[in-house]
C-alpha cells in the first residue's frame, strides 16, 4: 500500500484529474442540453434537496465540535446567515464568513 502522507503531490494530481475530468465530461455533454428541460430541472431539484438535507443534518444532528453548541445557537446562526444571504443579493461569501464568526461568538458567551 502506498503511504499517501509521503506522496502529497501524487494525491493532489490524482484528485485534480478526477475533478477536472468530470467537469470536462459535464461540459462536453451539456452542449445540447436545454436548461429548461425536465431532466435539467430534475437534477437541479436533486442538488438543492441534497444541500438542504445536509444543512438540516448539520443543524439537527451535528458532529464533531459543532455538537458542543446549543441547538438554539445553531438555529439563530442559520437564520442570520439566510437573512444575510438575501440582503447581500445572494452572495455566499458574507454569510459563510460571518456565520462562522457569529457562531464562535455565541458559543463563547
N, C-alpha and C. Protein backbone atom coordinates (compact mmCIF):
# COMPACT_ATOMS: atom_id res chain seq x y z
N UNK A 1 0.85 -1.19 0.00
CA UNK A 1 0.00 0.00 0.00
C UNK A 1 0.88 1.24 0.00
N UNK A 2 0.55 2.19 -0.84
CA UNK A 2 1.31 3.44 -0.93
C UNK A 2 0.93 4.32 0.25
N UNK A 3 1.93 4.88 0.90
CA UNK A 3 1.66 5.79 2.00
C UNK A 3 1.44 7.19 1.43
N UNK A 4 0.20 7.69 1.55
CA UNK A 4 -0.17 8.95 0.92
C UNK A 4 0.45 10.16 1.59
N UNK A 5 0.82 10.05 2.85
CA UNK A 5 1.40 11.20 3.55
C UNK A 5 2.75 11.59 2.93
N UNK A 6 3.45 10.64 2.35
CA UNK A 6 4.73 10.93 1.73
C UNK A 6 4.60 11.33 0.27
N UNK A 7 3.41 11.18 -0.31
CA UNK A 7 3.20 11.45 -1.73
C UNK A 7 2.11 12.50 -1.94
N UNK A 8 2.23 13.62 -1.26
CA UNK A 8 1.23 14.68 -1.37
C UNK A 8 1.07 15.17 -2.81
N UNK A 9 2.14 15.39 -3.56
CA UNK A 9 1.95 15.83 -4.96
C UNK A 9 1.17 14.80 -5.80
N UNK A 10 1.39 13.52 -5.54
CA UNK A 10 0.65 12.49 -6.25
C UNK A 10 -0.84 12.53 -5.90
N UNK A 11 -1.13 12.73 -4.64
CA UNK A 11 -2.53 12.82 -4.20
C UNK A 11 -3.20 14.03 -4.83
N UNK A 12 -2.51 15.15 -4.86
CA UNK A 12 -3.07 16.37 -5.47
C UNK A 12 -3.31 16.15 -6.96
N UNK A 13 -2.38 15.49 -7.63
CA UNK A 13 -2.53 15.23 -9.06
C UNK A 13 -3.72 14.31 -9.34
N UNK A 14 -3.86 13.25 -8.57
CA UNK A 14 -4.96 12.31 -8.79
C UNK A 14 -6.31 12.97 -8.52
N UNK A 15 -6.41 13.75 -7.45
CA UNK A 15 -7.68 14.42 -7.18
C UNK A 15 -7.99 15.49 -8.21
N UNK A 16 -6.97 16.17 -8.71
CA UNK A 16 -7.19 17.17 -9.76
C UNK A 16 -7.67 16.51 -11.04
N UNK A 17 -7.08 15.38 -11.39
CA UNK A 17 -7.53 14.66 -12.59
C UNK A 17 -8.97 14.21 -12.44
N UNK A 18 -9.32 13.68 -11.27
CA UNK A 18 -10.70 13.23 -11.05
C UNK A 18 -11.68 14.40 -11.11
N UNK A 19 -11.31 15.52 -10.53
CA UNK A 19 -12.20 16.68 -10.52
C UNK A 19 -12.38 17.27 -11.91
N UNK A 20 -11.27 17.51 -12.58
CA UNK A 20 -11.37 18.20 -13.86
C UNK A 20 -11.83 17.31 -15.00
N UNK A 21 -11.61 16.00 -14.89
CA UNK A 21 -12.15 15.11 -15.94
C UNK A 21 -13.66 15.05 -15.87
N UNK A 22 -14.22 15.03 -14.65
CA UNK A 22 -15.68 15.03 -14.56
C UNK A 22 -16.27 16.36 -15.03
N UNK A 23 -15.56 17.45 -14.77
CA UNK A 23 -16.03 18.75 -15.26
C UNK A 23 -15.95 18.82 -16.78
N UNK A 24 -14.90 18.26 -17.36
CA UNK A 24 -14.77 18.23 -18.81
C UNK A 24 -15.88 17.40 -19.43
N UNK A 25 -16.18 16.25 -18.85
CA UNK A 25 -17.28 15.42 -19.38
C UNK A 25 -18.62 16.14 -19.24
N UNK A 26 -18.82 16.86 -18.16
CA UNK A 26 -20.04 17.65 -17.99
C UNK A 26 -20.13 18.75 -19.02
N UNK A 27 -19.02 19.41 -19.29
CA UNK A 27 -19.01 20.47 -20.30
C UNK A 27 -19.31 19.91 -21.69
N UNK A 28 -18.70 18.79 -22.02
CA UNK A 28 -18.91 18.20 -23.34
C UNK A 28 -20.34 17.69 -23.53
N UNK A 29 -20.93 17.17 -22.47
CA UNK A 29 -22.28 16.63 -22.60
C UNK A 29 -23.36 17.70 -22.47
N UNK A 30 -23.00 18.90 -22.04
CA UNK A 30 -24.02 19.93 -21.83
C UNK A 30 -24.26 20.81 -23.05
N UNK A 31 -23.54 20.60 -24.12
CA UNK A 31 -23.70 21.44 -25.30
C UNK A 31 -25.11 21.36 -25.88
N UNK A 32 -25.68 20.19 -25.89
CA UNK A 32 -27.01 20.01 -26.49
C UNK A 32 -28.13 19.99 -25.46
N UNK A 33 -27.82 20.33 -24.21
CA UNK A 33 -28.82 20.26 -23.15
C UNK A 33 -29.57 21.59 -23.03
N UNK A 34 -30.88 21.49 -22.97
CA UNK A 34 -31.72 22.66 -22.78
C UNK A 34 -31.88 22.93 -21.29
N UNK A 35 -31.60 24.14 -20.88
CA UNK A 35 -31.64 24.49 -19.46
C UNK A 35 -33.06 24.37 -18.89
N UNK A 36 -34.05 24.52 -19.72
CA UNK A 36 -35.44 24.46 -19.26
C UNK A 36 -36.07 23.09 -19.45
N UNK A 37 -35.26 22.09 -19.76
CA UNK A 37 -35.80 20.75 -19.95
C UNK A 37 -36.16 20.12 -18.61
N UNK A 38 -36.99 19.11 -18.66
CA UNK A 38 -37.44 18.44 -17.44
C UNK A 38 -36.29 17.75 -16.72
N UNK A 39 -35.39 17.13 -17.46
CA UNK A 39 -34.27 16.42 -16.83
C UNK A 39 -33.33 17.39 -16.14
N UNK A 40 -33.10 18.53 -16.73
CA UNK A 40 -32.24 19.55 -16.12
C UNK A 40 -32.89 20.08 -14.84
N UNK A 41 -34.19 20.32 -14.87
CA UNK A 41 -34.89 20.78 -13.67
C UNK A 41 -34.86 19.72 -12.58
N UNK A 42 -34.95 18.44 -12.98
CA UNK A 42 -34.90 17.35 -12.00
C UNK A 42 -33.55 17.32 -11.31
N UNK A 43 -32.45 17.41 -12.09
CA UNK A 43 -31.11 17.44 -11.50
C UNK A 43 -30.94 18.64 -10.58
N UNK A 44 -31.50 19.76 -10.95
CA UNK A 44 -31.44 20.96 -10.12
C UNK A 44 -32.16 20.73 -8.79
N UNK A 45 -33.33 20.13 -8.85
CA UNK A 45 -34.09 19.83 -7.63
C UNK A 45 -33.35 18.84 -6.74
N UNK A 46 -32.74 17.83 -7.34
CA UNK A 46 -31.99 16.85 -6.55
C UNK A 46 -30.79 17.51 -5.87
N UNK A 47 -30.10 18.38 -6.59
CA UNK A 47 -28.94 19.07 -6.00
C UNK A 47 -29.36 19.94 -4.82
N UNK A 48 -30.44 20.68 -4.98
CA UNK A 48 -30.90 21.54 -3.88
C UNK A 48 -31.43 20.72 -2.71
N UNK A 49 -32.08 19.60 -2.98
CA UNK A 49 -32.58 18.79 -1.88
C UNK A 49 -31.45 18.15 -1.09
N UNK A 50 -30.38 17.74 -1.78
CA UNK A 50 -29.21 17.20 -1.07
C UNK A 50 -28.58 18.28 -0.20
N UNK A 51 -28.46 19.48 -0.75
CA UNK A 51 -27.89 20.59 0.02
C UNK A 51 -28.75 20.92 1.24
N UNK A 52 -30.07 20.92 1.07
CA UNK A 52 -30.97 21.19 2.20
C UNK A 52 -30.88 20.08 3.24
N UNK A 53 -30.78 18.84 2.80
CA UNK A 53 -30.68 17.72 3.75
C UNK A 53 -29.37 17.78 4.54
N UNK A 54 -28.28 18.12 3.88
CA UNK A 54 -27.01 18.22 4.58
C UNK A 54 -27.01 19.39 5.57
N UNK A 55 -27.62 20.49 5.18
CA UNK A 55 -27.72 21.63 6.10
C UNK A 55 -28.58 21.28 7.31
N UNK A 56 -29.70 20.63 7.07
CA UNK A 56 -30.57 20.22 8.18
C UNK A 56 -29.87 19.23 9.09
N UNK A 57 -29.11 18.32 8.51
CA UNK A 57 -28.38 17.36 9.33
C UNK A 57 -27.34 18.06 10.20
N UNK A 58 -26.68 19.07 9.65
CA UNK A 58 -25.69 19.81 10.44
C UNK A 58 -26.35 20.58 11.58
N UNK A 59 -27.56 21.04 11.37
CA UNK A 59 -28.26 21.81 12.41
C UNK A 59 -28.86 20.88 13.46
N UNK A 60 -29.53 19.82 13.02
CA UNK A 60 -30.26 18.95 13.95
C UNK A 60 -29.36 17.88 14.57
N UNK A 61 -28.53 17.24 13.77
CA UNK A 61 -27.65 16.18 14.26
C UNK A 61 -26.18 16.51 13.94
N UNK A 62 -25.62 17.49 14.61
CA UNK A 62 -24.25 17.90 14.28
C UNK A 62 -23.23 16.86 14.74
N UNK A 63 -22.07 16.89 14.12
CA UNK A 63 -20.98 16.00 14.50
C UNK A 63 -19.76 16.84 14.85
N UNK A 64 -18.91 16.29 15.64
CA UNK A 64 -17.66 16.96 15.98
C UNK A 64 -17.84 18.14 16.91
N UNK A 65 -17.12 19.20 16.65
CA UNK A 65 -17.13 20.38 17.51
C UNK A 65 -18.48 21.08 17.48
N UNK A 66 -19.17 21.00 16.35
CA UNK A 66 -20.48 21.66 16.24
C UNK A 66 -21.50 21.06 17.21
N UNK A 67 -21.31 19.81 17.59
CA UNK A 67 -22.23 19.17 18.53
C UNK A 67 -22.16 19.78 19.92
N UNK A 68 -21.08 20.49 20.22
CA UNK A 68 -20.94 21.12 21.53
C UNK A 68 -21.77 22.38 21.68
N UNK A 69 -22.23 22.95 20.57
CA UNK A 69 -23.04 24.16 20.65
C UNK A 69 -24.52 23.79 20.83
N UNK A 70 -25.25 24.71 21.41
CA UNK A 70 -26.67 24.50 21.66
C UNK A 70 -27.45 24.60 20.35
N UNK A 71 -28.55 23.86 20.25
CA UNK A 71 -29.34 23.88 19.01
C UNK A 71 -29.95 25.25 18.77
N UNK A 72 -30.30 25.97 19.82
CA UNK A 72 -30.85 27.31 19.66
C UNK A 72 -29.82 28.24 19.02
N UNK A 73 -28.57 28.11 19.41
CA UNK A 73 -27.50 28.93 18.82
C UNK A 73 -27.34 28.58 17.35
N UNK A 74 -27.38 27.30 17.01
CA UNK A 74 -27.24 26.89 15.61
C UNK A 74 -28.38 27.41 14.76
N UNK A 75 -29.60 27.41 15.30
CA UNK A 75 -30.76 27.92 14.56
C UNK A 75 -30.66 29.43 14.38
N UNK A 76 -30.22 30.14 15.42
CA UNK A 76 -30.05 31.60 15.32
C UNK A 76 -29.01 31.94 14.25
N UNK A 77 -27.90 31.22 14.24
CA UNK A 77 -26.87 31.46 13.24
C UNK A 77 -27.38 31.14 11.84
N UNK A 78 -28.16 30.08 11.70
CA UNK A 78 -28.74 29.74 10.40
C UNK A 78 -29.67 30.84 9.91
N UNK A 79 -30.54 31.34 10.76
CA UNK A 79 -31.44 32.42 10.37
C UNK A 79 -30.67 33.69 10.02
N UNK A 80 -29.62 33.97 10.79
CA UNK A 80 -28.76 35.12 10.49
C UNK A 80 -28.12 34.97 9.11
N UNK A 81 -27.64 33.78 8.80
CA UNK A 81 -26.99 33.54 7.51
C UNK A 81 -27.98 33.65 6.36
N UNK A 82 -29.20 33.17 6.55
CA UNK A 82 -30.22 33.26 5.49
C UNK A 82 -30.59 34.71 5.24
N UNK A 83 -30.80 35.47 6.31
CA UNK A 83 -31.13 36.90 6.15
C UNK A 83 -29.99 37.64 5.47
N UNK A 84 -28.76 37.35 5.88
CA UNK A 84 -27.61 38.00 5.27
C UNK A 84 -27.44 37.59 3.80
N UNK A 85 -27.75 36.34 3.49
CA UNK A 85 -27.66 35.85 2.12
C UNK A 85 -28.59 36.64 1.20
N UNK A 86 -29.83 36.83 1.63
CA UNK A 86 -30.78 37.56 0.78
C UNK A 86 -30.55 39.07 0.79
N UNK A 87 -30.03 39.59 1.89
CA UNK A 87 -29.78 41.03 1.93
C UNK A 87 -28.53 41.43 1.14
N UNK A 88 -27.63 40.49 0.87
CA UNK A 88 -26.44 40.78 0.07
C UNK A 88 -26.60 40.28 -1.37
N UNK A 89 -27.83 40.20 -1.82
CA UNK A 89 -28.15 39.81 -3.20
C UNK A 89 -27.59 38.43 -3.55
N UNK A 90 -27.80 37.47 -2.65
CA UNK A 90 -27.43 36.06 -2.82
C UNK A 90 -25.92 35.85 -2.96
N UNK A 91 -25.16 36.62 -2.21
CA UNK A 91 -23.72 36.44 -2.13
C UNK A 91 -23.43 35.41 -1.04
N UNK A 92 -22.64 34.39 -1.34
CA UNK A 92 -22.36 33.33 -0.37
C UNK A 92 -21.16 33.62 0.53
N UNK A 93 -20.34 34.57 0.16
CA UNK A 93 -19.11 34.82 0.91
C UNK A 93 -19.42 35.42 2.28
N UNK A 94 -20.20 36.47 2.31
CA UNK A 94 -20.50 37.15 3.58
C UNK A 94 -21.23 36.24 4.58
N UNK A 95 -22.29 35.55 4.20
CA UNK A 95 -22.94 34.68 5.18
C UNK A 95 -22.04 33.56 5.70
N UNK A 96 -21.19 33.03 4.84
CA UNK A 96 -20.31 31.94 5.28
C UNK A 96 -19.31 32.43 6.32
N UNK A 97 -18.66 33.53 6.03
CA UNK A 97 -17.64 34.04 6.95
C UNK A 97 -18.27 34.58 8.23
N UNK A 98 -19.31 35.38 8.08
CA UNK A 98 -19.92 36.00 9.26
C UNK A 98 -20.68 35.00 10.13
N UNK A 99 -21.25 33.96 9.54
CA UNK A 99 -21.93 32.96 10.36
C UNK A 99 -20.93 32.17 11.20
N UNK A 100 -19.73 31.92 10.68
CA UNK A 100 -18.70 31.26 11.49
C UNK A 100 -18.27 32.15 12.65
N UNK A 101 -18.16 33.45 12.38
CA UNK A 101 -17.78 34.39 13.44
C UNK A 101 -18.88 34.49 14.50
N UNK A 102 -20.12 34.61 14.05
CA UNK A 102 -21.24 34.71 14.99
C UNK A 102 -21.39 33.43 15.81
N UNK A 103 -21.21 32.28 15.17
CA UNK A 103 -21.29 31.01 15.90
C UNK A 103 -20.22 30.93 16.97
N UNK A 104 -19.00 31.33 16.65
CA UNK A 104 -17.95 31.27 17.67
C UNK A 104 -18.20 32.29 18.79
N UNK A 105 -18.72 33.46 18.45
CA UNK A 105 -19.02 34.45 19.48
C UNK A 105 -20.14 33.98 20.40
N UNK A 106 -21.20 33.42 19.82
CA UNK A 106 -22.32 32.96 20.65
C UNK A 106 -21.94 31.74 21.49
N UNK A 107 -21.05 30.91 21.00
CA UNK A 107 -20.63 29.75 21.79
C UNK A 107 -19.73 30.13 22.95
N UNK A 108 -19.02 31.23 22.82
CA UNK A 108 -18.11 31.63 23.88
C UNK A 108 -18.80 32.47 24.96
N UNK A 109 -20.01 32.94 24.71
CA UNK A 109 -20.70 33.76 25.71
C UNK A 109 -21.97 33.13 26.19
